[in-house]
Amino acid sequence: MLKVYLTRGSQGQGVWLDLPTSPAEMGEAYAVLDSIDSVNLDTRISATISSVPNLKRYIQEHDSLKQLDRAASPL
């Protein structure tokens, strides 16, 4: 299991996304982010929850969601 908290802007508002995810769920997450801030499109990973111990130490805020989604598939 891998969950990431995606944020935009400086307010820290965001959305949790379970990985692996479907394109529809990814689209819904980005729609929520667009409603938070549609000017600043810099999406960051601000928090993670994982069943793999210490995984969050290796996930950076600008990591590729597509790569994380692919990596989460075997989890």
Protein backbone atom coordinates (compact mmCIF):
# COMPACT_ATOMS: atom_id res chain seq x y z
CA MET A 1 0.00 0.00 0.00
CA LEU A 2 1.19 3.48 -0.86
CA LYS A 3 -0.70 6.72 -0.29
CA VAL A 4 0.62 10.12 -1.26
CA TYR A 5 -0.65 13.54 -0.22
CA LEU A 6 -0.49 15.92 -3.16
CA THR A 7 -0.49 19.68 -2.62
CA ARG A 8 -0.41 22.88 -4.62
CA GLY A 9 0.24 26.44 -3.58
CA SER A 10 1.44 27.60 -0.20
CA GLN A 11 -1.65 26.77 1.87
CA GLY A 12 -0.85 23.07 2.27
CA GLN A 13 -4.27 22.06 1.00
CA GLY A 14 -4.33 18.92 -1.06
CA VAL A 15 -5.67 15.47 -1.70
CA TRP A 16 -4.70 11.91 -0.71
CA LEU A 17 -4.19 9.48 -3.58
CA ASP A 18 -3.89 5.70 -3.23
CA LEU A 19 -1.30 4.11 -5.49
CA PRO A 20 -1.54 2.21 -7.72
CA THR A 21 -4.38 4.25 -9.15
CA SER A 22 -6.50 4.41 -12.27
CA PRO A 23 -6.38 7.25 -14.80
CA ALA A 24 -9.88 8.27 -13.62
CA GLU A 25 -8.79 8.53 -9.98
CA MET A 26 -5.68 10.46 -11.02
CA GLY A 27 -7.91 12.84 -12.99
CA GLU A 28 -10.18 13.34 -9.97
CA ALA A 29 -7.16 14.15 -7.79
CA TYR A 30 -5.92 16.71 -10.29
CA ALA A 31 -9.41 18.24 -10.51
CA VAL A 32 -9.34 18.76 -6.74
CA LEU A 33 -5.85 20.28 -7.02
CA ASP A 34 -7.04 22.56 -9.82
CA SER A 35 -9.84 23.81 -7.55
CA ILE A 36 -7.23 24.59 -4.88
CA ASP A 37 -4.84 26.44 -7.19
CA SER A 38 -5.23 26.56 -10.97
CA VAL A 39 -2.48 29.15 -11.48
CA ASN A 40 0.44 27.43 -9.77
CA LEU A 41 0.44 23.94 -11.32
CA ASP A 42 3.49 22.79 -9.33
CA THR A 43 2.15 19.63 -7.69
CA ARG A 44 4.17 18.32 -4.75
CA ILE A 45 4.16 15.12 -2.72
CA SER A 46 3.88 16.49 0.81
CA ALA A 47 3.34 13.26 2.75
CA THR A 48 3.34 9.51 2.26
CA ILE A 49 1.88 6.48 4.00
CA SER A 50 3.31 3.10 3.05
CA SER A 51 3.28 -0.51 4.17
CA VAL A 52 7.00 -0.57 3.29
CA PRO A 53 9.04 0.59 6.30
CA ASN A 54 11.09 3.77 5.72
CA LEU A 55 9.88 4.18 2.13
CA LYS A 56 8.90 7.79 2.75
CA ARG A 57 12.58 8.67 3.27
CA TYR A 58 13.19 7.85 -0.39
CA ILE A 59 10.24 9.70 -1.91
CA GLN A 60 10.96 13.32 -2.79
CA GLU A 61 8.33 16.03 -3.21
CA HIS A 62 8.87 16.31 -6.97
CA ASP A 63 9.08 12.58 -7.79
CA SER A 64 7.10 11.38 -10.78
CA LEU A 65 3.61 10.16 -9.86
CA LYS A 66 3.64 7.92 -12.92
CA GLN A 67 6.80 6.16 -11.70
CA LEU A 68 5.46 5.85 -8.14
CA ASP A 69 2.20 4.44 -9.47
CA ARG A 70 4.11 1.82 -11.45
CA ALA A 71 6.31 0.98 -8.45
CA ALA A 72 3.26 0.63 -6.18
CA SER A 73 1.66 -2.03 -8.38
CA PRO A 74 3.46 -4.98 -6.72
CA LEU A 75 2.75 -3.64 -3.21
